[in-house]
Amino acid sequence: RLISVRWDFDGSGAYPFSHDEVDGTSTSLTLSASHAYERPGTYFVTALVESHRTGDVGAVHGRMETLGQARVVVG
């Protein structure tokens, strides 16, 4: 079950944006996020998705992480 989806929009390794509607009850979700860049460049946006067998959003152990990444070119 999905327990967390967080975004790193600038490749810094920090994930400052998360989806509050991810509550550990679903095995699949459709989410969207938007971000505005202040200057042109190439950015590597990363989504960090975490799941847990029982859907425990507060679990410290047993979290499974998956990363998805896309290159964004701002002209």
PDB file of N, CA and C in Angstrom:
ATOM      1  N   ARG A   1       0.839  -1.179   0.000  1.00  0.00           N
ATOM      2  CA  ARG A   1       0.000   0.000   0.000  1.00  0.00           C
ATOM      3  C   ARG A   1       0.882   1.240   0.000  1.00  0.00           C
ATOM      4  N   LEU A   2       0.452   2.249  -0.720  1.00  0.00           N
ATOM      5  CA  LEU A   2       1.237   3.479  -0.839  1.00  0.00           C
ATOM      6  C   LEU A   2       1.083   4.337   0.417  1.00  0.00           C
ATOM      7  N   ILE A   3       2.226   4.763   0.960  1.00  0.00           N
ATOM      8  CA  ILE A   3       2.181   5.539   2.199  1.00  0.00           C
ATOM      9  C   ILE A   3       2.787   6.931   2.064  1.00  0.00           C
ATOM     10  N   SER A   4       3.493   7.207   0.959  1.00  0.00           N
ATOM     11  CA  SER A   4       4.105   8.530   0.800  1.00  0.00           C
ATOM     12  C   SER A   4       4.508   8.749  -0.651  1.00  0.00           C
ATOM     13  N   VAL A   5       4.258   9.965  -1.143  1.00  0.00           N
ATOM     14  CA  VAL A   5       4.762  10.401  -2.441  1.00  0.00           C
ATOM     15  C   VAL A   5       5.322  11.796  -2.226  1.00  0.00           C
ATOM     16  N   ARG A   6       6.639  11.938  -2.473  1.00  0.00           N
ATOM     17  CA  ARG A   6       7.316  13.221  -2.271  1.00  0.00           C
ATOM     18  C   ARG A   6       8.086  13.606  -3.534  1.00  0.00           C
ATOM     19  N   TRP A   7       8.263  14.908  -3.746  1.00  0.00           N
ATOM     20  CA  TRP A   7       8.883  15.417  -4.974  1.00  0.00           C
ATOM     21  C   TRP A   7      10.130  16.243  -4.694  1.00  0.00           C
ATOM     22  N   ASP A   8      11.144  16.038  -5.522  1.00  0.00           N
ATOM     23  CA  ASP A   8      12.363  16.857  -5.565  1.00  0.00           C
ATOM     24  C   ASP A   8      12.371  17.490  -6.959  1.00  0.00           C
ATOM     25  N   PHE A   9      12.046  18.770  -7.048  1.00  0.00           N
ATOM     26  CA  PHE A   9      11.916  19.437  -8.343  1.00  0.00           C
ATOM     27  C   PHE A   9      13.233  19.955  -8.905  1.00  0.00           C
ATOM     28  N   ASP A  10      14.263  20.095  -8.071  1.00  0.00           N
ATOM     29  CA  ASP A  10      15.505  20.723  -8.555  1.00  0.00           C
ATOM     30  C   ASP A  10      16.743  19.838  -8.472  1.00  0.00           C
ATOM     31  N   GLY A  11      16.580  18.578  -8.121  1.00  0.00           N
ATOM     32  CA  GLY A  11      17.721  17.671  -8.063  1.00  0.00           C
ATOM     33  C   GLY A  11      18.604  17.856  -6.847  1.00  0.00           C
ATOM     34  N   SER A  12      18.120  18.532  -5.828  1.00  0.00           N
ATOM     35  CA  SER A  12      18.915  18.819  -4.631  1.00  0.00           C
ATOM     36  C   SER A  12      18.991  17.640  -3.664  1.00  0.00           C
ATOM     37  N   GLY A  13      18.098  16.672  -3.821  1.00  0.00           N
ATOM     38  CA  GLY A  13      18.048  15.562  -2.880  1.00  0.00           C
ATOM     39  C   GLY A  13      17.074  15.804  -1.742  1.00  0.00           C
ATOM     40  N   ALA A  14      16.485  16.995  -1.707  1.00  0.00           N
ATOM     41  CA  ALA A  14      15.447  17.309  -0.720  1.00  0.00           C
ATOM     42  C   ALA A  14      14.087  17.056  -1.379  1.00  0.00           C
ATOM     43  N   TYR A  15      13.130  16.645  -0.619  1.00  0.00           N
ATOM     44  CA  TYR A  15      11.796  16.347  -1.131  1.00  0.00           C
ATOM     45  C   TYR A  15      10.778  17.218  -0.387  1.00  0.00           C
ATOM     46  N   PRO A  16      10.705  18.509  -0.733  1.00  0.00           N
ATOM     47  CA  PRO A  16       9.895  19.438   0.053  1.00  0.00           C
ATOM     48  C   PRO A  16       8.383  19.349  -0.183  1.00  0.00           C
ATOM     49  N   PHE A  17       7.939  18.761  -1.291  1.00  0.00           N
ATOM     50  CA  PHE A  17       6.506  18.693  -1.580  1.00  0.00           C
ATOM     51  C   PHE A  17       6.029  17.264  -1.449  1.00  0.00           C
ATOM     52  N   SER A  18       4.943  17.069  -0.702  1.00  0.00           N
ATOM     53  CA  SER A  18       4.353  15.736  -0.575  1.00  0.00           C
ATOM     54  C   SER A  18       2.847  15.840  -0.755  1.00  0.00           C
ATOM     55  N   HIS A  19       2.230  14.714  -1.015  1.00  0.00           N
ATOM     56  CA  HIS A  19       0.785  14.650  -1.218  1.00  0.00           C
ATOM     57  C   HIS A  19       0.120  14.211   0.079  1.00  0.00           C
ATOM     58  N   ASP A  20      -0.705  15.074   0.641  1.00  0.00           N
ATOM     59  CA  ASP A  20      -1.401  14.768   1.891  1.00  0.00           C
ATOM     60  C   ASP A  20      -2.458  13.674   1.735  1.00  0.00           C
ATOM     61  N   GLU A  21      -2.972  13.491   0.508  1.00  0.00           N
ATOM     62  CA  GLU A  21      -4.030  12.512   0.303  1.00  0.00           C
ATOM     63  C   GLU A  21      -3.536  11.068   0.277  1.00  0.00           C
ATOM     64  N   VAL A  22      -2.220  10.848   0.339  1.00  0.00           N
ATOM     65  CA  VAL A  22      -1.673   9.489   0.401  1.00  0.00           C
ATOM     66  C   VAL A  22      -1.760   9.030   1.855  1.00  0.00           C
ATOM     67  N   ASP A  23      -2.625   8.049   2.107  1.00  0.00           N
ATOM     68  CA  ASP A  23      -2.915   7.685   3.495  1.00  0.00           C
ATOM     69  C   ASP A  23      -2.712   6.208   3.831  1.00  0.00           C
ATOM     70  N   GLY A  24      -2.118   5.444   2.910  1.00  0.00           N
ATOM     71  CA  GLY A  24      -1.833   4.040   3.193  1.00  0.00           C
ATOM     72  C   GLY A  24      -2.977   3.093   2.897  1.00  0.00           C
ATOM     73  N   THR A  25      -4.065   3.586   2.318  1.00  0.00           N
ATOM     74  CA  THR A  25      -5.205   2.714   2.036  1.00  0.00           C
ATOM     75  C   THR A  25      -5.243   2.219   0.594  1.00  0.00           C
ATOM     76  N   SER A  26      -4.431   2.820  -0.305  1.00  0.00           N
ATOM     77  CA  SER A  26      -4.500   2.485  -1.728  1.00  0.00           C
ATOM     78  C   SER A  26      -3.240   1.780  -2.215  1.00  0.00           C
ATOM     79  N   THR A  27      -3.436   0.902  -3.203  1.00  0.00           N
ATOM     80  CA  THR A  27      -2.299   0.246  -3.856  1.00  0.00           C
ATOM     81  C   THR A  27      -1.955   0.930  -5.169  1.00  0.00           C
ATOM     82  N   SER A  28      -2.802   1.839  -5.629  1.00  0.00           N
ATOM     83  CA  SER A  28      -2.494   2.644  -6.807  1.00  0.00           C
ATOM     84  C   SER A  28      -3.182   3.999  -6.670  1.00  0.00           C
ATOM     85  N   LEU A  29      -2.559   5.019  -7.231  1.00  0.00           N
ATOM     86  CA  LEU A  29      -3.076   6.387  -7.149  1.00  0.00           C
ATOM     87  C   LEU A  29      -2.783   7.121  -8.444  1.00  0.00           C
ATOM     88  N   THR A  30      -3.574   8.120  -8.736  1.00  0.00           N
ATOM     89  CA  THR A  30      -3.271   9.064  -9.797  1.00  0.00           C
ATOM     90  C   THR A  30      -3.115  10.424  -9.136  1.00  0.00           C
ATOM     91  N   LEU A  31      -1.914  10.982  -9.205  1.00  0.00           N
ATOM     92  CA  LEU A  31      -1.604  12.258  -8.563  1.00  0.00           C
ATOM     93  C   LEU A  31      -0.989  13.191  -9.585  1.00  0.00           C
ATOM     94  N   SER A  32      -1.043  14.471  -9.307  1.00  0.00           N
ATOM     95  CA  SER A  32      -0.339  15.432 -10.152  1.00  0.00           C
ATOM     96  C   SER A  32       0.298  16.489  -9.262  1.00  0.00           C
ATOM     97  N   ALA A  33       1.348  17.080  -9.785  1.00  0.00           N
ATOM     98  CA  ALA A  33       2.057  18.145  -9.070  1.00  0.00           C
ATOM     99  C   ALA A  33       2.525  19.158 -10.100  1.00  0.00           C
ATOM    100  N   SER A  34       2.658  20.400  -9.691  1.00  0.00           N
ATOM    101  CA  SER A  34       3.192  21.417 -10.596  1.00  0.00           C
ATOM    102  C   SER A  34       4.241  22.232  -9.859  1.00  0.00           C
ATOM    103  N   HIS A  35       5.156  22.793 -10.658  1.00  0.00           N
ATOM    104  CA  HIS A  35       6.248  23.578 -10.092  1.00  0.00           C
ATOM    105  C   HIS A  35       6.692  24.605 -11.131  1.00  0.00           C
ATOM    106  N   ALA A  36       7.007  25.801 -10.700  1.00  0.00           N
ATOM    107  CA  ALA A  36       7.500  26.850 -11.604  1.00  0.00           C
ATOM    108  C   ALA A  36       8.974  27.091 -11.319  1.00  0.00           C
ATOM    109  N   TYR A  37       9.769  27.134 -12.377  1.00  0.00           N
ATOM    110  CA  TYR A  37      11.203  27.385 -12.247  1.00  0.00           C
ATOM    111  C   TYR A  37      11.487  28.858 -12.476  1.00  0.00           C
ATOM    112  N   GLU A  38      12.438  29.396 -11.719  1.00  0.00           N
ATOM    113  CA  GLU A  38      12.758  30.812 -11.795  1.00  0.00           C
ATOM    114  C   GLU A  38      13.689  31.169 -12.943  1.00  0.00           C
ATOM    115  N   ARG A  39      14.462  30.192 -13.441  1.00  0.00           N
ATOM    116  CA  ARG A  39      15.399  30.481 -14.532  1.00  0.00           C
ATOM    117  C   ARG A  39      15.513  29.292 -15.472  1.00  0.00           C
ATOM    118  N   PRO A  40      15.918  29.566 -16.713  1.00  0.00           N
ATOM    119  CA  PRO A  40      16.083  28.491 -17.684  1.00  0.00           C
ATOM    120  C   PRO A  40      17.156  27.500 -17.241  1.00  0.00           C
ATOM    121  N   GLY A  41      17.033  26.281 -17.724  1.00  0.00           N
ATOM    122  CA  GLY A  41      18.029  25.249 -17.421  1.00  0.00           C
ATOM    123  C   GLY A  41      17.436  23.874 -17.578  1.00  0.00           C
ATOM    124  N   THR A  42      18.247  22.882 -17.281  1.00  0.00           N
ATOM    125  CA  THR A  42      17.816  21.492 -17.301  1.00  0.00           C
ATOM    126  C   THR A  42      17.728  21.012 -15.857  1.00  0.00           C
ATOM    127  N   TYR A  43      16.605  20.446 -15.516  1.00  0.00           N
ATOM    128  CA  TYR A  43      16.342  19.990 -14.152  1.00  0.00           C
ATOM    129  C   TYR A  43      15.959  18.509 -14.191  1.00  0.00           C
ATOM    130  N   PHE A  44      16.350  17.796 -13.163  1.00  0.00           N
ATOM    131  CA  PHE A  44      15.979  16.395 -13.039  1.00  0.00           C
ATOM    132  C   PHE A  44      15.010  16.272 -11.871  1.00  0.00           C
ATOM    133  N   VAL A  45      13.755  16.088 -12.207  1.00  0.00           N
ATOM    134  CA  VAL A  45      12.683  16.001 -11.226  1.00  0.00           C
ATOM    135  C   VAL A  45      12.553  14.548 -10.784  1.00  0.00           C
ATOM    136  N   THR A  46      12.462  14.345  -9.472  1.00  0.00           N
ATOM    137  CA  THR A  46      12.371  12.994  -8.924  1.00  0.00           C
ATOM    138  C   THR A  46      11.148  12.867  -8.028  1.00  0.00           C
ATOM    139  N   ALA A  47      10.421  11.786  -8.221  1.00  0.00           N
ATOM    140  CA  ALA A  47       9.327  11.423  -7.323  1.00  0.00           C
ATOM    141  C   ALA A  47       9.802  10.243  -6.486  1.00  0.00           C
ATOM    142  N   LEU A  48       9.686  10.366  -5.186  1.00  0.00           N
ATOM    143  CA  LEU A  48      10.021   9.294  -4.254  1.00  0.00           C
ATOM    144  C   LEU A  48       8.715   8.715  -3.731  1.00  0.00           C
ATOM    145  N   VAL A  49       8.442   7.478  -4.102  1.00  0.00           N
ATOM    146  CA  VAL A  49       7.199   6.806  -3.713  1.00  0.00           C
ATOM    147  C   VAL A  49       7.556   5.721  -2.707  1.00  0.00           C
ATOM    148  N   GLU A  50       6.850   5.721  -1.579  1.00  0.00           N
ATOM    149  CA  GLU A  50       7.105   4.717  -0.543  1.00  0.00           C
ATOM    150  C   GLU A  50       5.845   3.889  -0.314  1.00  0.00           C
ATOM    151  N   SER A  51       6.068   2.603  -0.093  1.00  0.00           N
ATOM    152  CA  SER A  51       4.955   1.706   0.219  1.00  0.00           C
ATOM    153  C   SER A  51       5.299   0.909   1.473  1.00  0.00           C
ATOM    154  N   HIS A  52       4.273   0.316   2.046  1.00  0.00           N
ATOM    155  CA  HIS A  52       4.430  -0.526   3.238  1.00  0.00           C
ATOM    156  C   HIS A  52       3.394  -1.642   3.149  1.00  0.00           C
ATOM    157  N   ARG A  53       3.794  -2.821   3.506  1.00  0.00           N
ATOM    158  CA  ARG A  53       2.928  -4.015   3.387  1.00  0.00           C
ATOM    159  C   ARG A  53       1.555  -3.811   4.022  1.00  0.00           C
ATOM    160  N   THR A  54       1.499  -3.193   5.208  1.00  0.00           N
ATOM    161  CA  THR A  54       0.218  -3.021   5.900  1.00  0.00           C
ATOM    162  C   THR A  54      -0.382  -1.630   5.711  1.00  0.00           C
ATOM    163  N   GLY A  55       0.340  -0.722   5.021  1.00  0.00           N
ATOM    164  CA  GLY A  55      -0.165   0.630   4.824  1.00  0.00           C
ATOM    165  C   GLY A  55       0.060   1.548   6.004  1.00  0.00           C
ATOM    166  N   ASP A  56       0.988   1.197   6.877  1.00  0.00           N
ATOM    167  CA  ASP A  56       1.285   1.998   8.067  1.00  0.00           C
ATOM    168  C   ASP A  56       2.111   3.223   7.677  1.00  0.00           C
ATOM    169  N   VAL A  57       1.472   4.408   7.607  1.00  0.00           N
ATOM    170  CA  VAL A  57       2.180   5.624   7.183  1.00  0.00           C
ATOM    171  C   VAL A  57       3.231   6.071   8.195  1.00  0.00           C
ATOM    172  N   GLY A  58       3.130   5.637   9.424  1.00  0.00           N
ATOM    173  CA  GLY A  58       4.091   6.004  10.449  1.00  0.00           C
ATOM    174  C   GLY A  58       5.213   4.996  10.653  1.00  0.00           C
ATOM    175  N   ALA A  59       5.234   3.962   9.829  1.00  0.00           N
ATOM    176  CA  ALA A  59       6.223   2.892  10.004  1.00  0.00           C
ATOM    177  C   ALA A  59       7.643   3.400   9.808  1.00  0.00           C
ATOM    178  N   VAL A  60       8.530   2.972  10.691  1.00  0.00           N
ATOM    179  CA  VAL A  60       9.950   3.290  10.565  1.00  0.00           C
ATOM    180  C   VAL A  60      10.656   2.183   9.783  1.00  0.00           C
ATOM    181  N   HIS A  61      10.230   0.961   9.989  1.00  0.00           N
ATOM    182  CA  HIS A  61      10.832  -0.199   9.325  1.00  0.00           C
ATOM    183  C   HIS A  61       9.862  -0.769   8.292  1.00  0.00           C
ATOM    184  N   GLY A  62      10.408  -1.424   7.292  1.00  0.00           N
ATOM    185  CA  GLY A  62       9.595  -2.098   6.290  1.00  0.00           C
ATOM    186  C   GLY A  62       9.082  -1.209   5.173  1.00  0.00           C
ATOM    187  N   ARG A  63       9.605   0.012   5.073  1.00  0.00           N
ATOM    188  CA  ARG A  63       9.212   0.910   3.995  1.00  0.00           C
ATOM    189  C   ARG A  63       9.974   0.522   2.727  1.00  0.00           C
ATOM    190  N   MET A  64       9.281   0.460   1.614  1.00  0.00           N
ATOM    191  CA  MET A  64       9.900   0.172   0.319  1.00  0.00           C
ATOM    192  C   MET A  64       9.879   1.458  -0.497  1.00  0.00           C
ATOM    193  N   GLU A  65      11.045   1.871  -1.007  1.00  0.00           N
ATOM    194  CA  GLU A  65      11.155   3.115  -1.775  1.00  0.00           C
ATOM    195  C   GLU A  65      11.349   2.820  -3.256  1.00  0.00           C
ATOM    196  N   THR A  66      10.709   3.633  -4.084  1.00  0.00           N
ATOM    197  CA  THR A  66      10.870   3.577  -5.522  1.00  0.00           C
ATOM    198  C   THR A  66      11.049   5.003  -6.020  1.00  0.00           C
ATOM    199  N   LEU A  67      12.012   5.197  -6.913  1.00  0.00           N
ATOM    200  CA  LEU A  67      12.246   6.525  -7.484  1.00  0.00           C
ATOM    201  C   LEU A  67      11.830   6.545  -8.948  1.00  0.00           C
ATOM    202  N   GLY A  68      11.190   7.637  -9.343  1.00  0.00           N
ATOM    203  CA  GLY A  68      10.894   7.898 -10.743  1.00  0.00           C
ATOM    204  C   GLY A  68      11.509   9.242 -11.093  1.00  0.00           C
ATOM    205  N   GLN A  69      12.122   9.351 -12.244  1.00  0.00           N
ATOM    206  CA  GLN A  69      12.820  10.596 -12.578  1.00  0.00           C
ATOM    207  C   GLN A  69      12.509  11.017 -14.015  1.00  0.00           C
ATOM    208  N   ALA A  70      12.438  12.335 -14.228  1.00  0.00           N
ATOM    209  CA  ALA A  70      12.235  12.884 -15.561  1.00  0.00           C
ATOM    210  C   ALA A  70      13.109  14.114 -15.728  1.00  0.00           C
ATOM    211  N   ARG A  71      13.597  14.312 -16.941  1.00  0.00           N
ATOM    212  CA  ARG A  71      14.397  15.504 -17.258  1.00  0.00           C
ATOM    213  C   ARG A  71      13.441  16.580 -17.762  1.00  0.00           C
ATOM    214  N   VAL A  72      13.570  17.779 -17.193  1.00  0.00           N
ATOM    215  CA  VAL A  72      12.739  18.923 -17.582  1.00  0.00           C
ATOM    216  C   VAL A  72      13.676  20.002 -18.114  1.00  0.00           C
ATOM    217  N   VAL A  73      13.426  20.466 -19.336  1.00  0.00           N
ATOM    218  CA  VAL A  73      14.231  21.533 -19.932  1.00  0.00           C
ATOM    219  C   VAL A  73      13.379  22.781 -19.975  1.00  0.00           C
ATOM    220  N   VAL A  74      13.865  23.835 -19.298  1.00  0.00           N
ATOM    221  CA  VAL A  74      13.160  25.115 -19.257  1.00  0.00           C
ATOM    222  C   VAL A  74      13.916  26.085 -20.136  1.00  0.00           C
ATOM    223  N   GLY A  75      13.256  26.626 -21.147  1.00  0.00           N
ATOM    224  CA  GLY A  75      13.912  27.517 -22.108  1.00  0.00           C
ATOM    225  C   GLY A  75      13.735  28.968 -21.834  1.00  0.00           C
TER     226      GLY A  75
END
